[in-house]
Amino acid sequence: MNKTKCNLALFDLDHTLIPIDSDYEWGRFMIRLGIVDIDSFSLENDRFHSDYQAGTLDIHMYLRAMLTPLAKYSRQQLDNWHNLFMNEVINPQIQPAARALVDKHQKADNLCCIVTATNSFITAPIAKAFGIKTLIACEAETTDGHPDSPYTGNPIGVPSYREGKIKRVQAWLDSLDCDWTCFEHTYFYSDSHNDIPLLEKVTDPVATNPDKKLREYALARGWSILKLFQTT
């Protein structure tokens, strides 16, 4: 990568660029499709969501719970369902203010990336909808290692969650023959206190639609606070 100074813009996804949790909503979508047990999975989905909000989520256990149902179906079937998910659930939630924020950084030729703890099966089409080419997400294992092969139900690699987000971003920058000093400014937009490690790493942290813990933390440190929309 050219060492000329430019800016890096990192975006969390859920409750940051969209006012819903795509992972949680995908779980509810699977329930509606009837591909998971309604009672047990609904309780589990709600419990994991609460754990995330509390900062006590076991990310490995959560990923296995969310990825296991995917291993039962072909990629074509999953992609068909995801297209329906995008049309019914995600696209109506992509709001002009979020698009404008992304567009502002893209028009300034900033290097843009979504960094999310939600798995890449769910989030890759959402990143594409925003026109963001680089996605760092939790990765799902496939049967032969090819990205388009059937899923095994297991996660692989370092989860992009809490401190793991820093590790994954650093690995990406390394792949570009770059580091944090390549950039005049480094931005990270996030709503969650779980993202405080990466927010502290960048030069310009922006608490975006912040939860209560992050709002208090941001106010104490004089960080920018941005409200793009009313979260649900």
C-alpha atoms as a PDB file:
ATOM      1  CA  MET A   1       0.000   0.000   0.000  1.00  0.00           C
ATOM      2  CA  ASN A   2       1.149   3.544  -0.732  1.00  0.00           C
ATOM      3  CA  LYS A   3       2.626   5.049   2.419  1.00  0.00           C
ATOM      4  CA  THR A   4       1.192   8.487   1.568  1.00  0.00           C
ATOM      5  CA  LYS A   5      -0.912   9.729   4.458  1.00  0.00           C
ATOM      6  CA  CYS A   6      -4.645   9.090   4.102  1.00  0.00           C
ATOM      7  CA  ASN A   7      -7.469   8.202   6.470  1.00  0.00           C
ATOM      8  CA  LEU A   8      -8.851   4.890   7.683  1.00  0.00           C
ATOM      9  CA  ALA A   9     -12.579   4.576   8.446  1.00  0.00           C
ATOM     10  CA  LEU A  10     -13.752   1.523  10.378  1.00  0.00           C
ATOM     11  CA  PHE A  11     -17.437   0.863  11.015  1.00  0.00           C
ATOM     12  CA  ASP A  12     -19.185  -1.501  13.364  1.00  0.00           C
ATOM     13  CA  LEU A  13     -22.429  -2.743  11.825  1.00  0.00           C
ATOM     14  CA  ASP A  14     -25.259  -3.652  14.195  1.00  0.00           C
ATOM     15  CA  HIS A  15     -26.893  -0.638  15.860  1.00  0.00           C
ATOM     16  CA  THR A  16     -24.172   1.483  14.228  1.00  0.00           C
ATOM     17  CA  LEU A  17     -24.826   1.467  10.474  1.00  0.00           C
ATOM     18  CA  ILE A  18     -28.167  -0.291  10.860  1.00  0.00           C
ATOM     19  CA  PRO A  19     -30.570   0.239  13.786  1.00  0.00           C
ATOM     20  CA  ILE A  20     -31.010  -3.500  14.426  1.00  0.00           C
ATOM     21  CA  ASP A  21     -28.805  -6.469  15.330  1.00  0.00           C
ATOM     22  CA  SER A  22     -28.434  -8.485  12.115  1.00  0.00           C
ATOM     23  CA  ASP A  23     -27.234 -11.582  13.980  1.00  0.00           C
ATOM     24  CA  TYR A  24     -30.204 -11.570  16.347  1.00  0.00           C
ATOM     25  CA  GLU A  25     -32.615 -10.842  13.498  1.00  0.00           C
ATOM     26  CA  TRP A  26     -31.169 -13.706  11.431  1.00  0.00           C
ATOM     27  CA  GLY A  27     -31.875 -15.991  14.382  1.00  0.00           C
ATOM     28  CA  ARG A  28     -35.473 -14.784  14.448  1.00  0.00           C
ATOM     29  CA  PHE A  29     -35.627 -15.222  10.682  1.00  0.00           C
ATOM     30  CA  MET A  30     -34.498 -18.864  10.981  1.00  0.00           C
ATOM     31  CA  ILE A  31     -37.259 -19.393  13.530  1.00  0.00           C
ATOM     32  CA  ARG A  32     -39.832 -17.978  11.116  1.00  0.00           C
ATOM     33  CA  LEU A  33     -38.532 -20.240   8.364  1.00  0.00           C
ATOM     34  CA  GLY A  34     -38.891 -23.230  10.672  1.00  0.00           C
ATOM     35  CA  ILE A  35     -35.284 -24.374  10.233  1.00  0.00           C
ATOM     36  CA  VAL A  36     -34.550 -24.265  13.972  1.00  0.00           C
ATOM     37  CA  ASP A  37     -36.612 -25.325  16.961  1.00  0.00           C
ATOM     38  CA  ILE A  38     -38.850 -22.427  17.886  1.00  0.00           C
ATOM     39  CA  ASP A  39     -38.800 -22.758  21.666  1.00  0.00           C
ATOM     40  CA  SER A  40     -35.205 -23.770  22.384  1.00  0.00           C
ATOM     41  CA  PHE A  41     -33.532 -21.571  19.772  1.00  0.00           C
ATOM     42  CA  SER A  42     -35.631 -18.535  20.644  1.00  0.00           C
ATOM     43  CA  LEU A  43     -34.599 -18.792  24.285  1.00  0.00           C
ATOM     44  CA  GLU A  44     -30.966 -19.308  23.317  1.00  0.00           C
ATOM     45  CA  ASN A  45     -31.005 -16.402  20.863  1.00  0.00           C
ATOM     46  CA  ASP A  46     -32.470 -14.081  23.491  1.00  0.00           C
ATOM     47  CA  ARG A  47     -29.949 -15.229  26.099  1.00  0.00           C
ATOM     48  CA  PHE A  48     -26.955 -14.656  23.821  1.00  0.00           C
ATOM     49  CA  HIS A  49     -28.302 -11.221  22.877  1.00  0.00           C
ATOM     50  CA  SER A  50     -28.585 -10.294  26.554  1.00  0.00           C
ATOM     51  CA  ASP A  51     -25.076 -11.608  27.246  1.00  0.00           C
ATOM     52  CA  TYR A  52     -23.674  -9.439  24.449  1.00  0.00           C
ATOM     53  CA  GLN A  53     -25.377  -6.359  25.827  1.00  0.00           C
ATOM     54  CA  ALA A  54     -23.991  -7.152  29.273  1.00  0.00           C
ATOM     55  CA  GLY A  55     -20.467  -7.750  27.952  1.00  0.00           C
ATOM     56  CA  THR A  56     -20.430 -11.382  29.110  1.00  0.00           C
ATOM     57  CA  LEU A  57     -20.906 -13.169  25.787  1.00  0.00           C
ATOM     58  CA  ASP A  58     -18.994 -16.399  25.172  1.00  0.00           C
ATOM     59  CA  ILE A  59     -18.262 -15.659  21.528  1.00  0.00           C
ATOM     60  CA  HIS A  60     -17.132 -19.205  20.664  1.00  0.00           C
ATOM     61  CA  MET A  61     -20.283 -20.777  22.120  1.00  0.00           C
ATOM     62  CA  TYR A  62     -22.413 -18.182  20.385  1.00  0.00           C
ATOM     63  CA  LEU A  63     -20.812 -18.696  16.991  1.00  0.00           C
ATOM     64  CA  ARG A  64     -21.301 -22.457  17.168  1.00  0.00           C
ATOM     65  CA  ALA A  65     -24.955 -21.998  18.084  1.00  0.00           C
ATOM     66  CA  MET A  66     -25.532 -19.654  15.143  1.00  0.00           C
ATOM     67  CA  LEU A  67     -23.450 -21.597  12.616  1.00  0.00           C
ATOM     68  CA  THR A  68     -24.635 -25.133  13.391  1.00  0.00           C
ATOM     69  CA  PRO A  69     -27.995 -24.719  11.593  1.00  0.00           C
ATOM     70  CA  LEU A  70     -26.190 -23.507   8.450  1.00  0.00           C
ATOM     71  CA  ALA A  71     -24.376 -26.849   8.094  1.00  0.00           C
ATOM     72  CA  LYS A  72     -27.665 -28.636   7.381  1.00  0.00           C
ATOM     73  CA  TYR A  73     -28.342 -26.867   4.077  1.00  0.00           C
ATOM     74  CA  SER A  74     -26.699 -26.225   0.714  1.00  0.00           C
ATOM     75  CA  ARG A  75     -25.120 -22.868   0.022  1.00  0.00           C
ATOM     76  CA  GLN A  76     -27.651 -22.255  -2.717  1.00  0.00           C
ATOM     77  CA  GLN A  77     -30.519 -22.758  -0.277  1.00  0.00           C
ATOM     78  CA  LEU A  78     -28.833 -20.536   2.318  1.00  0.00           C
ATOM     79  CA  ASP A  79     -28.174 -17.835  -0.266  1.00  0.00           C
ATOM     80  CA  ASN A  80     -31.817 -17.925  -1.344  1.00  0.00           C
ATOM     81  CA  TRP A  81     -32.922 -17.507   2.244  1.00  0.00           C
ATOM     82  CA  HIS A  82     -30.418 -14.701   2.768  1.00  0.00           C
ATOM     83  CA  ASN A  83     -31.736 -12.841  -0.279  1.00  0.00           C
ATOM     84  CA  LEU A  84     -35.159 -12.998   1.321  1.00  0.00           C
ATOM     85  CA  PHE A  85     -33.670 -11.838   4.634  1.00  0.00           C
ATOM     86  CA  MET A  86     -32.063  -8.850   2.910  1.00  0.00           C
ATOM     87  CA  ASN A  87     -35.288  -7.874   1.176  1.00  0.00           C
ATOM     88  CA  GLU A  88     -37.588  -8.331   4.157  1.00  0.00           C
ATOM     89  CA  VAL A  89     -35.404  -7.400   7.131  1.00  0.00           C
ATOM     90  CA  ILE A  90     -32.177  -5.570   6.260  1.00  0.00           C
ATOM     91  CA  ASN A  91     -32.808  -3.329   3.269  1.00  0.00           C
ATOM     92  CA  PRO A  92     -35.744  -1.511   4.907  1.00  0.00           C
ATOM     93  CA  GLN A  93     -33.412  -0.673   7.819  1.00  0.00           C
ATOM     94  CA  ILE A  94     -30.603   0.894   5.772  1.00  0.00           C
ATOM     95  CA  GLN A  95     -31.262   4.562   6.367  1.00  0.00           C
ATOM     96  CA  PRO A  96     -30.071   7.674   4.478  1.00  0.00           C
ATOM     97  CA  ALA A  97     -28.008   8.981   7.410  1.00  0.00           C
ATOM     98  CA  ALA A  98     -25.927   5.811   7.522  1.00  0.00           C
ATOM     99  CA  ARG A  99     -25.413   5.805   3.763  1.00  0.00           C
ATOM    100  CA  ALA A 100     -24.363   9.466   3.932  1.00  0.00           C
ATOM    101  CA  LEU A 101     -21.778   8.704   6.618  1.00  0.00           C
ATOM    102  CA  VAL A 102     -20.222   5.934   4.542  1.00  0.00           C
ATOM    103  CA  ASP A 103     -20.393   8.020   1.378  1.00  0.00           C
ATOM    104  CA  LYS A 104     -18.599  10.910   3.096  1.00  0.00           C
ATOM    105  CA  HIS A 105     -15.587   8.718   3.843  1.00  0.00           C
ATOM    106  CA  GLN A 106     -15.624   7.011   0.464  1.00  0.00           C
ATOM    107  CA  LYS A 107     -15.758  10.326  -1.412  1.00  0.00           C
ATOM    108  CA  ALA A 108     -12.754  11.468   0.630  1.00  0.00           C
ATOM    109  CA  ASP A 109     -10.890   8.360  -0.612  1.00  0.00           C
ATOM    110  CA  ASN A 110     -10.627   6.965   2.908  1.00  0.00           C
ATOM    111  CA  LEU A 111      -9.860   3.264   3.283  1.00  0.00           C
ATOM    112  CA  CYS A 112     -13.176   1.850   4.549  1.00  0.00           C
ATOM    113  CA  CYS A 113     -13.912  -1.400   6.342  1.00  0.00           C
ATOM    114  CA  ILE A 114     -16.767  -2.907   8.337  1.00  0.00           C
ATOM    115  CA  VAL A 115     -15.529  -4.654  11.486  1.00  0.00           C
ATOM    116  CA  THR A 116     -18.231  -6.758  13.114  1.00  0.00           C
ATOM    117  CA  ALA A 117     -18.601  -9.651  15.528  1.00  0.00           C
ATOM    118  CA  THR A 118     -21.445 -11.033  13.416  1.00  0.00           C
ATOM    119  CA  ASN A 119     -20.444 -13.864  11.080  1.00  0.00           C
ATOM    120  CA  SER A 120     -19.540 -13.225   7.465  1.00  0.00           C
ATOM    121  CA  PHE A 121     -22.412 -15.277   6.030  1.00  0.00           C
ATOM    122  CA  ILE A 122     -24.878 -12.799   7.488  1.00  0.00           C
ATOM    123  CA  THR A 123     -22.866  -9.632   6.980  1.00  0.00           C
ATOM    124  CA  ALA A 124     -21.139  -9.949   3.578  1.00  0.00           C
ATOM    125  CA  PRO A 125     -24.307  -9.031   1.630  1.00  0.00           C
ATOM    126  CA  ILE A 126     -24.939  -6.140   4.033  1.00  0.00           C
ATOM    127  CA  ALA A 127     -21.441  -4.746   3.499  1.00  0.00           C
ATOM    128  CA  LYS A 128     -22.046  -5.041  -0.250  1.00  0.00           C
ATOM    129  CA  ALA A 129     -25.308  -3.121   0.126  1.00  0.00           C
ATOM    130  CA  PHE A 130     -23.318  -0.262   1.673  1.00  0.00           C
ATOM    131  CA  GLY A 131     -20.714  -0.440  -1.076  1.00  0.00           C
ATOM    132  CA  ILE A 132     -17.956  -1.309   1.395  1.00  0.00           C
ATOM    133  CA  LYS A 133     -15.561  -3.781  -0.184  1.00  0.00           C
ATOM    134  CA  THR A 134     -13.637  -4.859   2.913  1.00  0.00           C
ATOM    135  CA  LEU A 135     -15.382  -6.816   5.660  1.00  0.00           C
ATOM    136  CA  ILE A 136     -13.815  -8.146   8.835  1.00  0.00           C
ATOM    137  CA  ALA A 137     -16.269 -10.542  10.465  1.00  0.00           C
ATOM    138  CA  CYS A 138     -16.288 -13.799  12.382  1.00  0.00           C
ATOM    139  CA  GLU A 139     -15.544 -16.549   9.884  1.00  0.00           C
ATOM    140  CA  ALA A 140     -17.320 -19.863   9.363  1.00  0.00           C
ATOM    141  CA  GLU A 141     -15.483 -23.064   8.454  1.00  0.00           C
ATOM    142  CA  THR A 142     -16.403 -24.782   5.172  1.00  0.00           C
ATOM    143  CA  THR A 143     -16.053 -28.454   4.305  1.00  0.00           C
ATOM    144  CA  ASP A 144     -13.008 -28.051   2.049  1.00  0.00           C
ATOM    145  CA  GLY A 145     -11.814 -24.557   2.871  1.00  0.00           C
ATOM    146  CA  HIS A 146     -13.349 -22.995  -0.232  1.00  0.00           C
ATOM    147  CA  PRO A 147     -15.499 -19.969   0.658  1.00  0.00           C
ATOM    148  CA  ASP A 148     -18.451 -21.186  -1.433  1.00  0.00           C
ATOM    149  CA  SER A 149     -18.487 -24.754  -0.054  1.00  0.00           C
ATOM    150  CA  PRO A 150     -21.004 -26.026   2.523  1.00  0.00           C
ATOM    151  CA  TYR A 151     -20.509 -24.941   6.116  1.00  0.00           C
ATOM    152  CA  THR A 152     -19.375 -27.341   8.849  1.00  0.00           C
ATOM    153  CA  GLY A 153     -21.065 -25.408  11.655  1.00  0.00           C
ATOM    154  CA  ASN A 154     -17.756 -24.455  13.270  1.00  0.00           C
ATOM    155  CA  PRO A 155     -16.114 -21.030  13.518  1.00  0.00           C
ATOM    156  CA  ILE A 156     -12.507 -20.550  12.410  1.00  0.00           C
ATOM    157  CA  GLY A 157      -9.818 -17.997  13.097  1.00  0.00           C
ATOM    158  CA  VAL A 158      -9.769 -15.153  15.593  1.00  0.00           C
ATOM    159  CA  PRO A 159     -13.282 -13.886  16.305  1.00  0.00           C
ATOM    160  CA  SER A 160     -13.634 -10.183  15.522  1.00  0.00           C
ATOM    161  CA  TYR A 161     -15.017  -9.463  18.979  1.00  0.00           C
ATOM    162  CA  ARG A 162     -13.675  -7.084  21.651  1.00  0.00           C
ATOM    163  CA  GLU A 163      -9.825  -7.236  21.542  1.00  0.00           C
ATOM    164  CA  GLY A 164     -10.130  -9.639  18.621  1.00  0.00           C
ATOM    165  CA  LYS A 165     -11.208  -6.716  16.454  1.00  0.00           C
ATOM    166  CA  ILE A 166      -7.815  -5.098  16.953  1.00  0.00           C
ATOM    167  CA  LYS A 167      -6.024  -8.331  16.029  1.00  0.00           C
ATOM    168  CA  ARG A 168      -8.094  -8.784  12.886  1.00  0.00           C
ATOM    169  CA  VAL A 169      -7.673  -5.164  11.753  1.00  0.00           C
ATOM    170  CA  GLN A 170      -3.929  -5.402  12.385  1.00  0.00           C
ATOM    171  CA  ALA A 171      -3.721  -8.588  10.312  1.00  0.00           C
ATOM    172  CA  TRP A 172      -5.596  -6.861   7.485  1.00  0.00           C
ATOM    173  CA  LEU A 173      -3.275  -3.847   7.605  1.00  0.00           C
ATOM    174  CA  ASP A 174      -0.284  -6.195   7.587  1.00  0.00           C
ATOM    175  CA  SER A 175      -1.657  -7.795   4.423  1.00  0.00           C
ATOM    176  CA  LEU A 176      -1.627  -4.324   2.833  1.00  0.00           C
ATOM    177  CA  ASP A 177       1.989  -3.782   3.919  1.00  0.00           C
ATOM    178  CA  CYS A 178       0.698  -1.046   6.175  1.00  0.00           C
ATOM    179  CA  ASP A 179       0.249  -0.121   9.829  1.00  0.00           C
ATOM    180  CA  TRP A 180      -1.664   2.427  11.889  1.00  0.00           C
ATOM    181  CA  THR A 181       0.967   5.114  11.204  1.00  0.00           C
ATOM    182  CA  CYS A 182       0.107   5.065   7.486  1.00  0.00           C
ATOM    183  CA  PHE A 183      -2.972   7.145   8.221  1.00  0.00           C
ATOM    184  CA  GLU A 184      -3.445  10.790   9.102  1.00  0.00           C
ATOM    185  CA  HIS A 185      -6.633   9.879  10.967  1.00  0.00           C
ATOM    186  CA  THR A 186      -8.118   6.540  11.977  1.00  0.00           C
ATOM    187  CA  TYR A 187     -11.852   6.528  12.690  1.00  0.00           C
ATOM    188  CA  PHE A 188     -13.973   3.863  14.319  1.00  0.00           C
ATOM    189  CA  TYR A 189     -17.729   4.194  14.597  1.00  0.00           C
ATOM    190  CA  SER A 190     -19.448   1.905  17.104  1.00  0.00           C
ATOM    191  CA  ASP A 191     -22.460   1.761  19.376  1.00  0.00           C
ATOM    192  CA  SER A 192     -21.201  -0.841  21.842  1.00  0.00           C
ATOM    193  CA  HIS A 193     -19.111  -0.827  25.005  1.00  0.00           C
ATOM    194  CA  ASN A 194     -17.758  -4.157  23.752  1.00  0.00           C
ATOM    195  CA  ASP A 195     -15.843  -2.141  21.149  1.00  0.00           C
ATOM    196  CA  ILE A 196     -14.000   0.088  23.602  1.00  0.00           C
ATOM    197  CA  PRO A 197     -10.648  -1.675  22.895  1.00  0.00           C
ATOM    198  CA  LEU A 198     -10.725  -0.724  19.208  1.00  0.00           C
ATOM    199  CA  LEU A 199     -12.229   2.696  19.926  1.00  0.00           C
ATOM    200  CA  GLU A 200      -9.228   3.392  22.165  1.00  0.00           C
ATOM    201  CA  LYS A 201      -6.851   2.274  19.411  1.00  0.00           C
ATOM    202  CA  VAL A 202      -7.928   4.826  16.769  1.00  0.00           C
ATOM    203  CA  THR A 203      -7.170   8.541  16.672  1.00  0.00           C
ATOM    204  CA  ASP A 204     -10.821   9.508  16.210  1.00  0.00           C
ATOM    205  CA  PRO A 205     -13.246   7.283  18.140  1.00  0.00           C
ATOM    206  CA  VAL A 206     -16.903   8.039  17.465  1.00  0.00           C
ATOM    207  CA  ALA A 207     -19.520   6.609  19.817  1.00  0.00           C
ATOM    208  CA  THR A 208     -22.360   6.123  17.330  1.00  0.00           C
ATOM    209  CA  ASN A 209     -25.872   5.579  18.680  1.00  0.00           C
ATOM    210  CA  PRO A 210     -24.030   4.505  21.857  1.00  0.00           C
ATOM    211  CA  ASP A 211     -25.381   2.187  24.519  1.00  0.00           C
ATOM    212  CA  LYS A 212     -25.474   3.541  28.061  1.00  0.00           C
ATOM    213  CA  LYS A 213     -22.042   2.210  29.066  1.00  0.00           C
ATOM    214  CA  LEU A 214     -20.346   3.514  25.957  1.00  0.00           C
ATOM    215  CA  ARG A 215     -22.051   6.905  26.207  1.00  0.00           C
ATOM    216  CA  GLU A 216     -20.768   7.350  29.772  1.00  0.00           C
ATOM    217  CA  TYR A 217     -17.283   6.200  28.739  1.00  0.00           C
ATOM    218  CA  ALA A 218     -17.248   8.533  25.720  1.00  0.00           C
ATOM    219  CA  LEU A 219     -18.423  11.540  27.726  1.00  0.00           C
ATOM    220  CA  ALA A 220     -15.729  10.932  30.350  1.00  0.00           C
ATOM    221  CA  ARG A 221     -13.024  10.912  27.668  1.00  0.00           C
ATOM    222  CA  GLY A 222     -14.332  13.664  25.469  1.00  0.00           C
ATOM    223  CA  TRP A 223     -15.005  11.398  22.496  1.00  0.00           C
ATOM    224  CA  SER A 224     -17.322  12.419  19.696  1.00  0.00           C
ATOM    225  CA  ILE A 225     -20.888  11.131  20.007  1.00  0.00           C
ATOM    226  CA  LEU A 226     -22.977  10.694  16.880  1.00  0.00           C
ATOM    227  CA  LYS A 227     -26.650   9.779  16.689  1.00  0.00           C
ATOM    228  CA  LEU A 228     -27.536   8.580  13.208  1.00  0.00           C
ATOM    229  CA  PHE A 229     -30.969   7.263  14.079  1.00  0.00           C
ATOM    230  CA  GLN A 230     -33.182   5.986  16.856  1.00  0.00           C
ATOM    231  CA  THR A 231     -32.055   2.429  17.611  1.00  0.00           C
ATOM    232  CA  THR A 232     -34.505  -0.366  18.410  1.00  0.00           C
END
